[in-house]
N, C-alpha and C. Protein backbone atom coordinates (compact mmCIF):
# COMPACT_ATOMS: atom_id res chain seq x y z
N MET A 1 15.23 115.63 48.83
CA MET A 1 14.17 114.66 48.71
C MET A 1 14.61 113.27 49.18
N PRO A 2 15.86 112.86 48.92
CA PRO A 2 16.26 111.54 49.44
C PRO A 2 16.16 111.43 50.95
N LYS A 3 16.41 112.52 51.66
CA LYS A 3 16.31 112.47 53.13
C LYS A 3 14.87 112.22 53.56
N VAL A 4 13.93 112.87 52.89
CA VAL A 4 12.52 112.68 53.24
C VAL A 4 12.09 111.25 52.94
N TYR A 5 12.50 110.71 51.80
CA TYR A 5 12.15 109.33 51.46
C TYR A 5 12.78 108.33 52.45
N THR A 6 13.98 108.62 52.91
CA THR A 6 14.63 107.75 53.90
C THR A 6 13.87 107.76 55.21
N VAL A 7 13.50 108.95 55.68
CA VAL A 7 12.72 109.07 56.92
C VAL A 7 11.39 108.35 56.75
N GLU A 8 10.74 108.56 55.61
CA GLU A 8 9.46 107.92 55.35
C GLU A 8 9.59 106.39 55.36
N PHE A 9 10.67 105.88 54.79
CA PHE A 9 10.92 104.44 54.77
C PHE A 9 10.96 103.88 56.19
N PHE A 10 11.72 104.52 57.06
CA PHE A 10 11.86 104.01 58.43
C PHE A 10 10.58 104.19 59.25
N ILE A 11 9.87 105.27 59.02
CA ILE A 11 8.60 105.47 59.73
C ILE A 11 7.59 104.41 59.32
N LEU A 12 7.54 104.09 58.04
CA LEU A 12 6.61 103.06 57.57
C LEU A 12 7.02 101.67 58.06
N LEU A 13 8.31 101.43 58.15
CA LEU A 13 8.77 100.15 58.70
C LEU A 13 8.36 99.99 60.16
N ALA A 14 8.25 101.10 60.86
CA ALA A 14 7.91 101.06 62.29
C ALA A 14 6.43 100.83 62.55
N VAL A 15 5.58 101.00 61.54
CA VAL A 15 4.13 100.89 61.74
C VAL A 15 3.72 99.57 62.41
N PRO A 16 4.14 98.42 61.93
CA PRO A 16 3.67 97.18 62.56
C PRO A 16 4.09 97.03 64.03
N PHE A 17 5.17 97.69 64.41
CA PHE A 17 5.66 97.57 65.78
C PHE A 17 5.01 98.59 66.72
N LEU A 18 4.63 99.74 66.18
CA LEU A 18 4.09 100.81 67.02
C LEU A 18 2.57 100.84 67.06
N ILE A 19 1.92 100.18 66.14
CA ILE A 19 0.47 100.27 66.02
C ILE A 19 -0.26 99.51 67.15
N HIS A 20 0.45 98.64 67.86
CA HIS A 20 -0.18 97.87 68.93
C HIS A 20 -0.52 98.73 70.15
N ASN A 21 0.20 99.83 70.31
CA ASN A 21 -0.09 100.78 71.39
C ASN A 21 -0.77 101.99 70.76
N LYS A 22 -1.91 102.40 71.30
CA LYS A 22 -2.67 103.46 70.65
C LYS A 22 -1.93 104.80 70.62
N TYR A 23 -1.11 105.08 71.61
CA TYR A 23 -0.40 106.36 71.64
C TYR A 23 0.77 106.37 70.66
N SER A 24 1.58 105.33 70.69
CA SER A 24 2.71 105.29 69.75
C SER A 24 2.21 105.14 68.31
N GLY A 25 1.14 104.40 68.14
CA GLY A 25 0.55 104.27 66.80
C GLY A 25 0.02 105.59 66.28
N LEU A 26 -0.62 106.36 67.15
CA LEU A 26 -1.15 107.66 66.76
C LEU A 26 -0.02 108.62 66.39
N VAL A 27 1.03 108.65 67.21
CA VAL A 27 2.17 109.52 66.92
C VAL A 27 2.81 109.11 65.59
N ASN A 28 2.96 107.82 65.36
CA ASN A 28 3.53 107.33 64.12
C ASN A 28 2.68 107.74 62.92
N LEU A 29 1.37 107.61 63.03
CA LEU A 29 0.49 107.99 61.92
C LEU A 29 0.52 109.50 61.68
N LEU A 30 0.63 110.29 62.73
CA LEU A 30 0.76 111.74 62.57
C LEU A 30 2.06 112.10 61.86
N ILE A 31 3.13 111.43 62.22
CA ILE A 31 4.42 111.69 61.56
C ILE A 31 4.35 111.27 60.10
N ILE A 32 3.71 110.15 59.81
CA ILE A 32 3.54 109.73 58.41
C ILE A 32 2.80 110.81 57.63
N GLY A 33 1.75 111.35 58.22
CA GLY A 33 0.98 112.39 57.54
C GLY A 33 1.81 113.63 57.26
N VAL A 34 2.63 114.05 58.21
CA VAL A 34 3.47 115.23 58.01
C VAL A 34 4.53 114.97 56.94
N VAL A 35 5.21 113.84 57.05
CA VAL A 35 6.28 113.52 56.10
C VAL A 35 5.72 113.35 54.69
N MET A 36 4.54 112.79 54.58
CA MET A 36 3.93 112.57 53.28
C MET A 36 3.74 113.89 52.53
N TYR A 37 3.36 114.93 53.25
CA TYR A 37 3.13 116.22 52.59
C TYR A 37 4.38 117.07 52.47
N LEU A 38 5.48 116.70 53.14
CA LEU A 38 6.73 117.45 53.01
C LEU A 38 7.30 117.38 51.60
N ILE A 39 7.01 116.34 50.88
CA ILE A 39 7.65 116.10 49.60
C ILE A 39 6.95 116.78 48.44
N ASN A 40 5.70 117.19 48.60
CA ASN A 40 4.94 117.73 47.47
C ASN A 40 5.54 119.01 46.89
N ALA A 41 5.82 119.99 47.71
CA ALA A 41 6.36 121.26 47.21
C ALA A 41 7.74 121.10 46.57
N PRO A 42 8.69 120.37 47.19
CA PRO A 42 9.99 120.20 46.54
C PRO A 42 9.90 119.50 45.18
N ILE A 43 9.00 118.54 45.05
CA ILE A 43 8.85 117.85 43.76
C ILE A 43 8.35 118.83 42.71
N GLN A 44 7.34 119.61 43.05
CA GLN A 44 6.78 120.58 42.11
C GLN A 44 7.84 121.60 41.68
N ILE A 45 8.59 122.12 42.63
CA ILE A 45 9.65 123.09 42.32
C ILE A 45 10.73 122.44 41.47
N HIS A 46 11.08 121.20 41.78
CA HIS A 46 12.10 120.47 41.02
C HIS A 46 11.66 120.31 39.56
N PHE A 47 10.42 119.88 39.33
CA PHE A 47 9.91 119.74 37.96
C PHE A 47 9.96 121.07 37.22
N LEU A 48 9.52 122.13 37.88
CA LEU A 48 9.48 123.43 37.22
C LEU A 48 10.88 123.97 36.93
N ASN A 49 11.82 123.75 37.83
CA ASN A 49 13.19 124.20 37.58
C ASN A 49 13.81 123.48 36.40
N ILE A 50 13.62 122.19 36.32
CA ILE A 50 14.16 121.43 35.18
C ILE A 50 13.50 121.89 33.89
N ALA A 51 12.20 122.10 33.92
CA ALA A 51 11.49 122.55 32.72
C ALA A 51 11.98 123.92 32.27
N GLU A 52 12.18 124.84 33.22
CA GLU A 52 12.64 126.18 32.86
C GLU A 52 14.04 126.16 32.27
N GLU A 53 14.90 125.28 32.81
CA GLU A 53 16.27 125.19 32.31
C GLU A 53 16.37 124.48 30.96
N SER A 54 15.75 123.34 30.86
CA SER A 54 15.95 122.48 29.69
C SER A 54 14.84 122.56 28.66
N TYR A 55 13.61 122.74 29.10
CA TYR A 55 12.46 122.71 28.19
C TYR A 55 11.50 123.87 28.51
N PRO A 56 11.88 125.11 28.22
CA PRO A 56 11.02 126.24 28.60
C PRO A 56 9.61 126.20 27.99
N GLN A 57 9.47 125.55 26.86
CA GLN A 57 8.16 125.45 26.22
C GLN A 57 7.24 124.46 26.94
N ALA A 58 7.77 123.69 27.87
CA ALA A 58 6.99 122.64 28.53
C ALA A 58 6.71 122.94 30.00
N VAL A 59 6.76 124.20 30.40
CA VAL A 59 6.53 124.54 31.81
C VAL A 59 5.11 124.17 32.24
N ALA A 60 4.14 124.42 31.37
CA ALA A 60 2.75 124.08 31.72
C ALA A 60 2.59 122.58 31.89
N LEU A 61 3.22 121.81 31.02
CA LEU A 61 3.17 120.34 31.14
C LEU A 61 3.83 119.89 32.44
N ALA A 62 4.97 120.49 32.76
CA ALA A 62 5.69 120.11 33.99
C ALA A 62 4.86 120.41 35.23
N SER A 63 4.12 121.50 35.21
CA SER A 63 3.32 121.83 36.38
C SER A 63 2.15 120.87 36.57
N SER A 64 1.76 120.17 35.52
CA SER A 64 0.65 119.22 35.63
C SER A 64 1.12 117.81 35.97
N LEU A 65 2.42 117.56 35.91
CA LEU A 65 2.93 116.21 36.17
C LEU A 65 2.78 115.79 37.63
N ASN A 66 2.99 116.71 38.56
CA ASN A 66 2.90 116.36 39.98
C ASN A 66 1.52 115.87 40.38
N PRO A 67 0.43 116.59 40.05
CA PRO A 67 -0.90 116.07 40.42
C PRO A 67 -1.23 114.76 39.71
N ILE A 68 -0.79 114.61 38.47
CA ILE A 68 -1.04 113.36 37.75
C ILE A 68 -0.33 112.21 38.45
N ALA A 69 0.94 112.41 38.77
CA ALA A 69 1.71 111.35 39.45
C ALA A 69 1.15 111.08 40.85
N SER A 70 0.71 112.12 41.53
CA SER A 70 0.12 111.92 42.86
C SER A 70 -1.14 111.07 42.80
N ASN A 71 -2.00 111.38 41.85
CA ASN A 71 -3.24 110.59 41.72
C ASN A 71 -2.95 109.16 41.31
N LEU A 72 -1.97 108.97 40.45
CA LEU A 72 -1.58 107.61 40.07
C LEU A 72 -1.03 106.86 41.28
N GLY A 73 -0.20 107.54 42.08
CA GLY A 73 0.35 106.92 43.28
C GLY A 73 -0.71 106.58 44.31
N ILE A 74 -1.69 107.47 44.46
CA ILE A 74 -2.79 107.20 45.40
C ILE A 74 -3.57 105.97 44.97
N SER A 75 -3.87 105.87 43.68
CA SER A 75 -4.66 104.72 43.22
C SER A 75 -3.85 103.43 43.31
N LEU A 76 -2.57 103.48 42.94
CA LEU A 76 -1.72 102.28 43.03
C LEU A 76 -1.52 101.88 44.49
N GLY A 77 -1.27 102.86 45.36
CA GLY A 77 -1.09 102.56 46.78
C GLY A 77 -2.34 101.99 47.42
N SER A 78 -3.50 102.50 47.01
CA SER A 78 -4.76 101.98 47.54
C SER A 78 -5.00 100.55 47.11
N ALA A 79 -4.69 100.27 45.84
CA ALA A 79 -4.87 98.91 45.33
C ALA A 79 -3.93 97.93 46.03
N VAL A 80 -2.67 98.30 46.14
CA VAL A 80 -1.70 97.41 46.80
C VAL A 80 -2.01 97.29 48.29
N GLY A 81 -2.39 98.40 48.92
CA GLY A 81 -2.75 98.36 50.33
C GLY A 81 -3.93 97.44 50.60
N SER A 82 -4.94 97.48 49.72
CA SER A 82 -6.08 96.59 49.92
C SER A 82 -5.69 95.13 49.73
N LEU A 83 -4.78 94.87 48.81
CA LEU A 83 -4.29 93.49 48.63
C LEU A 83 -3.52 93.02 49.88
N ILE A 84 -2.72 93.91 50.43
CA ILE A 84 -1.95 93.55 51.63
C ILE A 84 -2.88 93.29 52.81
N VAL A 85 -3.86 94.17 53.02
CA VAL A 85 -4.81 94.00 54.13
C VAL A 85 -5.61 92.72 53.93
N GLY A 86 -6.05 92.47 52.71
CA GLY A 86 -6.86 91.29 52.43
C GLY A 86 -6.10 89.98 52.61
N ASN A 87 -4.81 89.99 52.28
CA ASN A 87 -4.03 88.75 52.33
C ASN A 87 -3.19 88.59 53.58
N PHE A 88 -2.71 89.70 54.15
CA PHE A 88 -1.77 89.60 55.27
C PHE A 88 -2.24 90.28 56.55
N GLY A 89 -3.21 91.15 56.45
CA GLY A 89 -3.72 91.85 57.63
C GLY A 89 -3.28 93.30 57.68
N LEU A 90 -3.97 94.05 58.50
CA LEU A 90 -3.75 95.49 58.60
C LEU A 90 -2.35 95.85 59.10
N TYR A 91 -1.78 95.04 59.96
CA TYR A 91 -0.49 95.37 60.55
C TYR A 91 0.65 95.33 59.54
N GLN A 92 0.45 94.73 58.40
CA GLN A 92 1.51 94.60 57.41
C GLN A 92 1.52 95.73 56.37
N VAL A 93 0.57 96.65 56.46
CA VAL A 93 0.49 97.74 55.48
C VAL A 93 1.75 98.60 55.52
N GLY A 94 2.33 98.78 56.68
CA GLY A 94 3.55 99.58 56.80
C GLY A 94 4.69 99.03 55.96
N PHE A 95 4.82 97.70 55.93
CA PHE A 95 5.88 97.09 55.13
C PHE A 95 5.67 97.36 53.64
N GLY A 96 4.42 97.28 53.20
CA GLY A 96 4.12 97.59 51.80
C GLY A 96 4.44 99.02 51.46
N GLY A 97 4.08 99.95 52.35
CA GLY A 97 4.41 101.35 52.13
C GLY A 97 5.91 101.59 52.15
N ALA A 98 6.63 100.86 53.01
CA ALA A 98 8.09 101.01 53.07
C ALA A 98 8.73 100.57 51.78
N ILE A 99 8.19 99.54 51.15
CA ILE A 99 8.72 99.10 49.86
C ILE A 99 8.54 100.20 48.81
N PHE A 100 7.37 100.84 48.80
CA PHE A 100 7.15 101.95 47.87
C PHE A 100 8.10 103.11 48.17
N ALA A 101 8.32 103.43 49.46
CA ALA A 101 9.23 104.52 49.83
C ALA A 101 10.66 104.19 49.41
N LEU A 102 11.06 102.93 49.57
CA LEU A 102 12.39 102.52 49.14
C LEU A 102 12.53 102.65 47.62
N GLY A 103 11.50 102.23 46.90
CA GLY A 103 11.52 102.39 45.44
C GLY A 103 11.63 103.84 45.03
N ALA A 104 10.89 104.72 45.70
CA ALA A 104 10.94 106.15 45.41
C ALA A 104 12.33 106.71 45.72
N LEU A 105 12.91 106.25 46.82
CA LEU A 105 14.25 106.70 47.19
C LEU A 105 15.26 106.30 46.13
N LEU A 106 15.22 105.05 45.70
CA LEU A 106 16.18 104.58 44.70
C LEU A 106 16.01 105.30 43.37
N ILE A 107 14.79 105.51 42.95
CA ILE A 107 14.53 106.24 41.71
C ILE A 107 15.01 107.68 41.83
N ASN A 108 14.75 108.30 42.97
CA ASN A 108 15.18 109.67 43.18
C ASN A 108 16.70 109.79 43.17
N LEU A 109 17.40 108.86 43.80
CA LEU A 109 18.86 108.89 43.80
C LEU A 109 19.41 108.73 42.38
N LYS A 110 18.81 107.84 41.60
CA LYS A 110 19.25 107.65 40.21
C LYS A 110 18.98 108.90 39.38
N LEU A 111 17.81 109.51 39.54
CA LEU A 111 17.51 110.75 38.80
C LEU A 111 18.45 111.87 39.20
N ASN A 112 18.77 111.99 40.47
CA ASN A 112 19.73 113.01 40.91
C ASN A 112 21.10 112.77 40.30
N GLN A 113 21.48 111.51 40.18
CA GLN A 113 22.75 111.16 39.56
C GLN A 113 22.75 111.55 38.08
N ILE A 114 21.66 111.27 37.39
CA ILE A 114 21.57 111.61 35.96
C ILE A 114 21.60 113.12 35.77
N ILE A 115 20.87 113.85 36.61
CA ILE A 115 20.82 115.30 36.49
C ILE A 115 22.19 115.93 36.78
N SER A 116 22.90 115.40 37.76
CA SER A 116 24.21 115.97 38.09
C SER A 116 25.24 115.71 37.00
N GLN A 117 25.04 114.65 36.22
CA GLN A 117 25.96 114.35 35.12
C GLN A 117 25.68 115.18 33.88
N ALA A 118 24.46 115.69 33.78
CA ALA A 118 24.07 116.44 32.57
C ALA A 118 24.64 117.83 32.54
């Protein structure tokens, strides 16, 4: 998962530079779409594996965490994205997304560190 978040970070950082050309902007947006969905299955499997190992009684709860977190992320990203567009313009949305990807990367690295120590 850290590799996907790292790729996502750099792709989002590239948005303001590539969006000026319709072809490079389109390719960049297509890559963002693919990378965005690459992470869903590994997260779901990761939650379920941890639940089965540590909390077998909570497997149903663990399976519901991914859609809940996804919907929360969509709403938070939409709110922050609209603030960025309203205050800084459309070309700066990539930087806002890159900040979220960096935050996800750092949180994921810390969680991996905690899990490996347990």
